[in-house]
C-alpha atoms as a PDB file:
ATOM      1  CA  MET A   1      -5.941  -4.603 -15.403  1.00  0.00           C
ATOM      2  CA  ASP A   2      -5.118  -1.033 -14.641  1.00  0.00           C
ATOM      3  CA  TRP A   3      -2.367  -1.044 -12.005  1.00  0.00           C
ATOM      4  CA  PHE A   4      -0.787   1.656  -9.856  1.00  0.00           C
ATOM      5  CA  LYS A   5      -3.226   4.498 -10.557  1.00  0.00           C
ATOM      6  CA  THR A   6      -2.819   7.088  -7.820  1.00  0.00           C
ATOM      7  CA  LYS A   7      -4.363  10.412  -6.921  1.00  0.00           C
ATOM      8  CA  ILE A   8      -4.750  12.760  -3.982  1.00  0.00           C
ATOM      9  CA  LEU A   9      -8.052  12.479  -2.126  1.00  0.00           C
ATOM     10  CA  ASN A  10      -8.739  14.689   0.907  1.00  0.00           C
ATOM     11  CA  ASP A  11      -5.056  15.717   0.918  1.00  0.00           C
ATOM     12  CA  LYS A  12      -3.922  12.063   1.156  1.00  0.00           C
ATOM     13  CA  PRO A  13      -2.445   9.800  -1.523  1.00  0.00           C
ATOM     14  CA  VAL A  14      -4.650   6.898  -2.614  1.00  0.00           C
ATOM     15  CA  VAL A  15      -4.191   4.047  -5.080  1.00  0.00           C
ATOM     16  CA  PHE A  16      -6.841   2.256  -7.101  1.00  0.00           C
ATOM     17  CA  ASP A  17      -6.964  -1.426  -6.217  1.00  0.00           C
ATOM     18  CA  PRO A  18      -8.243  -3.200  -9.346  1.00  0.00           C
ATOM     19  CA  LEU A  19      -9.146  -6.340  -7.385  1.00  0.00           C
ATOM     20  CA  ARG A  20     -11.219  -4.559  -4.735  1.00  0.00           C
ATOM     21  CA  ARG A  21     -12.339  -2.031  -7.374  1.00  0.00           C
ATOM     22  CA  GLN A  22     -11.882   0.908  -5.019  1.00  0.00           C
ATOM     23  CA  TRP A  23      -9.503   3.651  -4.013  1.00  0.00           C
ATOM     24  CA  VAL A  24      -7.511   2.813  -0.872  1.00  0.00           C
ATOM     25  CA  SER A  25      -5.062   4.786   1.231  1.00  0.00           C
ATOM     26  CA  LEU A  26      -1.560   4.533  -0.215  1.00  0.00           C
ATOM     27  CA  THR A  27       0.299   3.444   2.903  1.00  0.00           C
ATOM     28  CA  PRO A  28       3.771   1.874   2.708  1.00  0.00           C
ATOM     29  CA  GLU A  29       2.175  -1.539   3.361  1.00  0.00           C
ATOM     30  CA  GLU A  30      -0.427  -0.939   0.639  1.00  0.00           C
ATOM     31  CA  GLN A  31       2.377  -0.222  -1.839  1.00  0.00           C
ATOM     32  CA  VAL A  32       3.823  -3.662  -1.123  1.00  0.00           C
ATOM     33  CA  ARG A  33       0.372  -5.289  -1.277  1.00  0.00           C
ATOM     34  CA  GLN A  34      -0.304  -3.730  -4.698  1.00  0.00           C
ATOM     35  CA  LYS A  35       3.079  -4.904  -6.011  1.00  0.00           C
ATOM     36  CA  MET A  36       2.346  -8.413  -4.740  1.00  0.00           C
ATOM     37  CA  LEU A  37      -1.116  -8.416  -6.321  1.00  0.00           C
ATOM     38  CA  TYR A  38       0.447  -7.312  -9.602  1.00  0.00           C
ATOM     39  CA  TYR A  39       3.025 -10.112  -9.306  1.00  0.00           C
ATOM     40  CA  LEU A  40       0.332 -12.718  -8.637  1.00  0.00           C
ATOM     41  CA  VAL A  41      -1.975 -11.642 -11.475  1.00  0.00           C
ATOM     42  CA  GLU A  42       0.409 -10.391 -14.169  1.00  0.00           C
ATOM     43  CA  THR A  43       3.548 -12.478 -13.606  1.00  0.00           C
ATOM     44  CA  ARG A  44       2.280 -15.703 -12.012  1.00  0.00           C
ATOM     45  CA  LYS A  45      -1.019 -15.580 -13.977  1.00  0.00           C
ATOM     46  CA  VAL A  46      -3.238 -16.285 -10.971  1.00  0.00           C
ATOM     47  CA  ALA A  47      -6.821 -15.454 -11.929  1.00  0.00           C
ATOM     48  CA  ALA A  48      -7.889 -12.248 -10.172  1.00  0.00           C
ATOM     49  CA  GLY A  49     -11.144 -13.955  -9.160  1.00  0.00           C
ATOM     50  CA  LEU A  50      -9.153 -16.414  -7.037  1.00  0.00           C
ATOM     51  CA  ILE A  51      -7.561 -13.661  -4.932  1.00  0.00           C
ATOM     52  CA  ALA A  52      -9.090 -11.993  -1.880  1.00  0.00           C
ATOM     53  CA  VAL A  53      -7.592  -8.826  -0.389  1.00  0.00           C
ATOM     54  CA  GLU A  54      -7.848  -8.068   3.342  1.00  0.00           C
ATOM     55  CA  TYR A  55      -9.725 -11.333   3.799  1.00  0.00           C
ATOM     56  CA  SER A  56     -11.617 -11.600   7.102  1.00  0.00           C
ATOM     57  CA  ILE A  57     -10.826 -14.624   9.235  1.00  0.00           C
ATOM     58  CA  LYS A  58     -11.352 -15.665  12.856  1.00  0.00           C
ATOM     59  CA  VAL A  59      -8.315 -16.503  14.973  1.00  0.00           C
ATOM     60  CA  ASN A  60      -9.195 -17.726  18.470  1.00  0.00           C
ATOM     61  CA  ASN A  61     -12.637 -16.184  17.937  1.00  0.00           C
ATOM     62  CA  LEU A  62     -11.034 -12.787  17.230  1.00  0.00           C
ATOM     63  CA  PRO A  63     -11.627 -11.050  13.890  1.00  0.00           C
ATOM     64  CA  LYS A  64      -8.427 -10.677  11.830  1.00  0.00           C
ATOM     65  CA  ARG A  65      -7.627  -9.818   8.225  1.00  0.00           C
ATOM     66  CA  ALA A  66      -5.148 -11.631   6.042  1.00  0.00           C
ATOM     67  CA  ASP A  67      -3.526  -9.259   3.541  1.00  0.00           C
ATOM     68  CA  ILE A  68      -3.981 -11.600   0.578  1.00  0.00           C
ATOM     69  CA  VAL A  69      -5.545 -15.050   0.309  1.00  0.00           C
ATOM     70  CA  VAL A  70      -5.220 -17.086  -2.883  1.00  0.00           C
ATOM     71  CA  PHE A  71      -7.851 -19.754  -3.546  1.00  0.00           C
ATOM     72  CA  ASN A  72      -7.827 -22.760  -5.866  1.00  0.00           C
ATOM     73  CA  ASN A  73     -10.457 -23.379  -8.549  1.00  0.00           C
ATOM     74  CA  LEU A  74     -12.649 -25.174  -5.989  1.00  0.00           C
ATOM     75  CA  GLY A  75     -12.768 -22.068  -3.785  1.00  0.00           C
ATOM     76  CA  GLU A  76     -10.480 -23.539  -1.123  1.00  0.00           C
ATOM     77  CA  PRO A  77      -7.841 -21.240   0.380  1.00  0.00           C
ATOM     78  CA  GLN A  78      -4.353 -22.253  -0.777  1.00  0.00           C
ATOM     79  CA  MET A  79      -2.036 -19.438   0.296  1.00  0.00           C
ATOM     80  CA  ILE A  80      -1.859 -16.575   2.736  1.00  0.00           C
ATOM     81  CA  VAL A  81       0.370 -13.651   1.783  1.00  0.00           C
ATOM     82  CA  GLU A  82       1.387 -11.341   4.611  1.00  0.00           C
ATOM     83  CA  CYS A  83       2.654  -7.956   3.394  1.00  0.00           C
ATOM     84  CA  LYS A  84       4.719  -5.506   5.388  1.00  0.00           C
ATOM     85  CA  ALA A  85       6.088  -2.077   4.491  1.00  0.00           C
ATOM     86  CA  GLU A  86       9.558  -2.098   2.898  1.00  0.00           C
ATOM     87  CA  THR A  87      11.017  -0.674   6.109  1.00  0.00           C
ATOM     88  CA  VAL A  88       9.669  -3.592   8.194  1.00  0.00           C
ATOM     89  CA  PRO A  89      12.033  -6.565   8.329  1.00  0.00           C
ATOM     90  CA  ILE A  90      10.559 -10.043   7.841  1.00  0.00           C
ATOM     91  CA  THR A  91      11.165 -11.544  11.265  1.00  0.00           C
ATOM     92  CA  GLU A  92       9.931 -14.485  13.258  1.00  0.00           C
ATOM     93  CA  LYS A  93       7.210 -12.190  14.654  1.00  0.00           C
ATOM     94  CA  VAL A  94       5.843 -11.732  11.106  1.00  0.00           C
ATOM     95  CA  LEU A  95       6.002 -15.496  10.550  1.00  0.00           C
ATOM     96  CA  ASP A  96       4.147 -16.068  13.834  1.00  0.00           C
ATOM     97  CA  GLN A  97       1.400 -13.696  12.659  1.00  0.00           C
ATOM     98  CA  ALA A  98       1.024 -15.600   9.390  1.00  0.00           C
ATOM     99  CA  ILE A  99       0.958 -18.914  11.263  1.00  0.00           C
ATOM    100  CA  ARG A 100      -1.883 -17.613  13.437  1.00  0.00           C
ATOM    101  CA  TYR A 101      -3.776 -16.733  10.261  1.00  0.00           C
ATOM    102  CA  PHE A 102      -3.009 -20.216   8.960  1.00  0.00           C
ATOM    103  CA  SER A 103      -4.791 -21.636  11.998  1.00  0.00           C
ATOM    104  CA  GLY A 104      -7.904 -19.745  10.838  1.00  0.00           C
ATOM    105  CA  LEU A 105      -7.725 -20.879   7.207  1.00  0.00           C
ATOM    106  CA  ASN A 106      -5.626 -24.053   7.013  1.00  0.00           C
ATOM    107  CA  VAL A 107      -3.826 -23.208   3.767  1.00  0.00           C
ATOM    108  CA  LYS A 108      -0.988 -25.122   2.095  1.00  0.00           C
ATOM    109  CA  TYR A 109       1.368 -22.151   1.637  1.00  0.00           C
ATOM    110  CA  LEU A 110       2.474 -19.040   3.507  1.00  0.00           C
ATOM    111  CA  THR A 111       4.285 -16.151   1.848  1.00  0.00           C
ATOM    112  CA  LEU A 112       5.810 -13.208   3.694  1.00  0.00           C
ATOM    113  CA  THR A 113       7.082 -10.122   1.891  1.00  0.00           C
ATOM    114  CA  ASN A 114       8.144  -6.550   2.483  1.00  0.00           C
ATOM    115  CA  GLY A 115       8.551  -5.856  -1.234  1.00  0.00           C
ATOM    116  CA  LYS A 116      12.314  -6.388  -1.073  1.00  0.00           C
ATOM    117  CA  THR A 117      12.411  -9.830   0.530  1.00  0.00           C
ATOM    118  CA  MET A 118      10.038 -12.747   0.067  1.00  0.00           C
ATOM    119  CA  PHE A 119       9.881 -15.947   2.079  1.00  0.00           C
ATOM    120  CA  CYS A 120       7.673 -18.849   1.000  1.00  0.00           C
ATOM    121  CA  TYR A 121       6.727 -21.836   3.125  1.00  0.00           C
ATOM    122  CA  GLN A 122       4.788 -25.020   2.550  1.00  0.00           C
ATOM    123  CA  ILE A 123       2.880 -26.627   5.388  1.00  0.00           C
ATOM    124  CA  ASN A 124       2.934 -30.435   5.445  1.00  0.00           C
ATOM    125  CA  ASP A 125       1.408 -32.337   8.371  1.00  0.00           C
ATOM    126  CA  GLY A 126       1.696 -29.257  10.571  1.00  0.00           C
ATOM    127  CA  LYS A 127       5.382 -28.755   9.728  1.00  0.00           C
ATOM    128  CA  LEU A 128       6.708 -25.632   8.046  1.00  0.00           C
ATOM    129  CA  GLU A 129       9.096 -26.202   5.132  1.00  0.00           C
ATOM    130  CA  VAL A 130      11.041 -23.355   3.540  1.00  0.00           C
ATOM    131  CA  LEU A 131      10.569 -23.205  -0.244  1.00  0.00           C
ATOM    132  CA  THR A 132      13.299 -21.988  -2.588  1.00  0.00           C
ATOM    133  CA  GLU A 133      10.825 -20.682  -5.170  1.00  0.00           C
ATOM    134  CA  PHE A 134       7.326 -19.244  -5.311  1.00  0.00           C
ATOM    135  CA  PRO A 135       4.885 -22.176  -5.213  1.00  0.00           C
ATOM    136  CA  LEU A 136       2.108 -20.943  -7.533  1.00  0.00           C
END
């Protein structure tokens, strides 16, 4: 895959997202999302076809978008990845957001990252367990 291609479009920086196959605004959060996508596909060898970016979900009947959702080979969602800009600390508020998304998808894993810090959790019987390593 061709990663981290950038250009200026309408006086704004954009990056080509090889998974969405389109140019997207290069915001600080998008930088982290692209690094995480690269990590998933190139380092962890998750098939690109099993990854959805800005995946639409319903939370309490409200439309929301999970930054990244990773599916298993049966098409079932396995992990939500919530990305924040590097300047945004990973706090309980970020975890609460990811947990709300979990309620819309019922995944096994949650990952939170700002590009510098990554927290991974496994959900067992409604309980959140901190993982010491990336689960996929």
